[in-house]
Amino acid sequence: MMKKLIVSVILVSLMLSGMAFAPRMALAGEGDTWTGDVIVIGPDGETIFDDEVTIATTTIVDVDGDKHHFFSPTALGALDEASWSGDFEYEVEEGDYGLWITSIDGYENEGGCGWMYKVDGESAEVGADKYELEGESEVRWYWSGM
């Protein structure tokens, strides 16, 4: 019994000492930041937001209260930072393909109309929660009749 205890203590000590020298595992994209322009244009062409933001990691809370953590700058993170800076609200829901915007500044998606985004003038092929931003870019959110 005593021999098993001594062996267990030695094994635990070796494991703990090995962990002290192990390299730190970084989260994907940890430390990345993005600075760029975010523009939000409402249904009537009014500018809701137009300014530069800087983002890194982001935590988004969807309409159900679930938290989603992003460790790299995303187009959704850019909208989130703009909402804090510009004092407007937006809502996201989680769907089969990720998070999607359901309203910005009180303008809710309805029928065939809703919120879209472009990065550097190009329509994105993925959801805003999956679009990782790099370099100096512009993220433009706009109302679309689809």
Protein backbone atom coordinates (compact mmCIF):
# COMPACT_ATOMS: atom_id res chain seq x y z
CA MET A 1 0.00 0.00 0.00
CA MET A 2 2.79 2.41 0.97
CA LYS A 3 4.71 1.52 -2.18
CA LYS A 4 1.66 2.42 -4.37
CA LEU A 5 1.31 5.74 -2.56
CA ILE A 6 4.98 6.62 -3.11
CA VAL A 7 4.79 5.65 -6.80
CA SER A 8 1.61 7.73 -7.20
CA VAL A 9 3.23 10.78 -5.58
CA ILE A 10 6.30 10.45 -7.81
CA LEU A 11 4.17 10.12 -10.95
CA VAL A 12 2.04 13.15 -10.07
CA SER A 13 5.19 15.17 -9.28
CA LEU A 14 6.73 14.24 -12.63
CA MET A 15 3.57 15.17 -14.49
CA LEU A 16 3.30 18.53 -12.75
CA SER A 17 6.97 19.37 -13.25
CA GLY A 18 6.67 18.48 -16.94
CA MET A 19 3.71 20.81 -17.29
CA ALA A 20 5.76 23.69 -15.90
CA PHE A 21 8.16 23.39 -18.83
CA ALA A 22 5.60 22.64 -21.53
CA PRO A 23 5.04 25.44 -24.04
CA ARG A 24 1.89 27.45 -23.55
CA MET A 25 -0.81 26.49 -26.02
CA ALA A 26 -2.20 29.65 -27.62
CA LEU A 27 -5.83 29.94 -28.55
CA ALA A 28 -6.42 30.20 -32.28
CA GLY A 29 -5.61 33.74 -33.35
CA GLU A 30 -4.85 34.88 -29.82
CA GLY A 31 -3.28 38.31 -29.90
CA ASP A 32 -4.55 39.19 -33.39
CA THR A 33 -6.13 42.61 -33.70
CA TRP A 34 -7.84 44.37 -36.57
CA THR A 35 -8.31 48.08 -37.12
CA GLY A 36 -10.54 49.28 -39.92
CA ASP A 37 -13.59 51.24 -40.91
CA VAL A 38 -17.07 50.00 -40.10
CA ILE A 39 -20.02 51.55 -41.90
CA VAL A 40 -23.66 50.70 -41.17
CA ILE A 41 -26.26 52.01 -43.64
CA GLY A 42 -29.96 51.75 -42.77
CA PRO A 43 -32.94 50.95 -45.02
CA ASP A 44 -33.50 54.57 -46.04
CA GLY A 45 -29.82 55.13 -46.81
CA GLU A 46 -29.16 56.85 -43.49
CA THR A 47 -25.76 56.34 -41.89
CA ILE A 48 -26.14 54.58 -38.56
CA PHE A 49 -22.39 54.31 -37.97
CA ASP A 50 -19.23 55.34 -39.83
CA ASP A 51 -15.98 55.24 -37.90
CA GLU A 52 -12.80 53.28 -37.29
CA VAL A 53 -12.79 50.48 -34.73
CA THR A 54 -10.16 48.15 -33.31
CA ILE A 55 -11.07 44.62 -32.27
CA ALA A 56 -9.39 41.45 -31.10
CA THR A 57 -11.37 38.85 -29.20
CA THR A 58 -15.14 39.20 -29.01
CA THR A 59 -17.94 37.66 -27.00
CA ILE A 60 -21.34 37.86 -28.68
CA VAL A 61 -24.55 37.12 -26.80
CA ASP A 62 -27.39 35.88 -29.01
CA VAL A 63 -31.13 36.48 -28.47
CA ASP A 64 -31.35 33.28 -26.39
CA GLY A 65 -28.64 34.54 -24.03
CA ASP A 66 -26.01 32.07 -25.26
CA LYS A 67 -22.44 33.40 -25.36
CA HIS A 68 -20.23 32.88 -28.42
CA HIS A 69 -16.50 33.57 -28.08
CA PHE A 70 -14.32 34.56 -31.03
CA PHE A 71 -10.56 34.65 -30.58
CA SER A 72 -9.82 36.25 -33.95
CA PRO A 73 -11.25 39.49 -35.36
CA THR A 74 -14.43 38.80 -37.36
CA ALA A 75 -16.91 40.87 -39.36
CA LEU A 76 -19.45 40.20 -36.60
CA GLY A 77 -16.94 41.38 -34.01
CA ALA A 78 -16.51 44.59 -36.02
CA LEU A 79 -20.28 45.18 -35.87
CA ASP A 80 -20.25 44.46 -32.14
CA GLU A 81 -17.50 47.02 -31.48
CA ALA A 82 -19.28 49.56 -33.71
CA SER A 83 -22.48 49.07 -31.69
CA TRP A 84 -20.64 49.92 -28.48
CA SER A 85 -18.91 52.93 -30.02
CA GLY A 86 -21.99 54.15 -31.88
CA ASP A 87 -24.54 53.42 -29.18
CA PHE A 88 -26.87 51.31 -31.33
CA GLU A 89 -28.15 47.80 -30.75
CA TYR A 90 -28.19 44.70 -32.91
CA GLU A 91 -29.50 41.17 -32.44
CA VAL A 92 -28.18 37.81 -33.60
CA GLU A 93 -29.71 34.37 -33.63
CA GLU A 94 -27.97 31.05 -33.91
CA GLY A 95 -29.00 29.06 -36.96
CA ASP A 96 -27.85 25.93 -38.75
CA TYR A 97 -24.96 27.80 -40.39
CA GLY A 98 -23.85 29.94 -37.45
CA LEU A 99 -24.91 33.32 -36.14
CA TRP A 100 -26.96 35.67 -38.29
CA ILE A 101 -28.06 39.25 -37.82
CA THR A 102 -31.80 39.67 -37.25
CA SER A 103 -31.84 43.41 -36.55
CA ILE A 104 -29.62 46.49 -36.37
CA ASP A 105 -30.72 49.74 -34.71
CA GLY A 106 -34.31 48.48 -34.53
CA TYR A 107 -34.55 47.52 -38.23
CA GLU A 108 -35.57 43.86 -38.25
CA ASN A 109 -35.24 41.41 -41.12
CA GLU A 110 -38.63 40.86 -42.75
CA GLY A 111 -39.80 39.03 -45.82
CA GLY A 112 -37.07 39.21 -48.44
CA CYS A 113 -35.32 42.16 -46.78
CA GLY A 114 -32.52 42.03 -44.26
CA TRP A 115 -28.97 42.83 -43.27
CA MET A 116 -25.99 41.97 -45.44
CA TYR A 117 -22.32 42.90 -45.27
CA LYS A 118 -19.36 43.43 -47.58
CA VAL A 119 -15.64 43.56 -46.84
CA ASP A 120 -13.62 45.91 -49.03
CA GLY A 121 -16.58 46.15 -51.41
CA GLU A 122 -16.86 42.39 -51.92
CA SER A 123 -19.86 40.35 -50.77
CA ALA A 124 -18.83 37.68 -48.32
CA GLU A 125 -19.46 34.00 -48.96
CA VAL A 126 -19.64 33.07 -45.27
CA GLY A 127 -21.51 34.31 -42.24
CA ALA A 128 -20.11 37.33 -40.41
CA ASP A 129 -19.17 35.14 -37.45
CA LYS A 130 -16.92 33.08 -39.73
CA TYR A 131 -15.32 35.90 -41.75
CA GLU A 132 -11.91 36.59 -40.19
CA LEU A 133 -10.62 40.10 -40.81
CA GLU A 134 -7.00 40.76 -41.82
CA GLY A 135 -5.15 43.95 -42.68
CA GLU A 136 -6.75 47.32 -43.19
CA SER A 137 -10.28 46.63 -44.43
CA GLU A 138 -13.69 48.21 -44.52
CA VAL A 139 -16.70 46.31 -43.26
CA ARG A 140 -19.96 47.73 -44.61
CA TRP A 141 -23.30 46.58 -43.24
CA TYR A 142 -26.32 47.50 -45.34
CA TRP A 143 -30.01 46.81 -45.70
CA SER A 144 -30.82 44.70 -48.73
CA GLY A 145 -34.04 43.89 -50.55
CA MET A 146 -32.40 40.60 -51.55
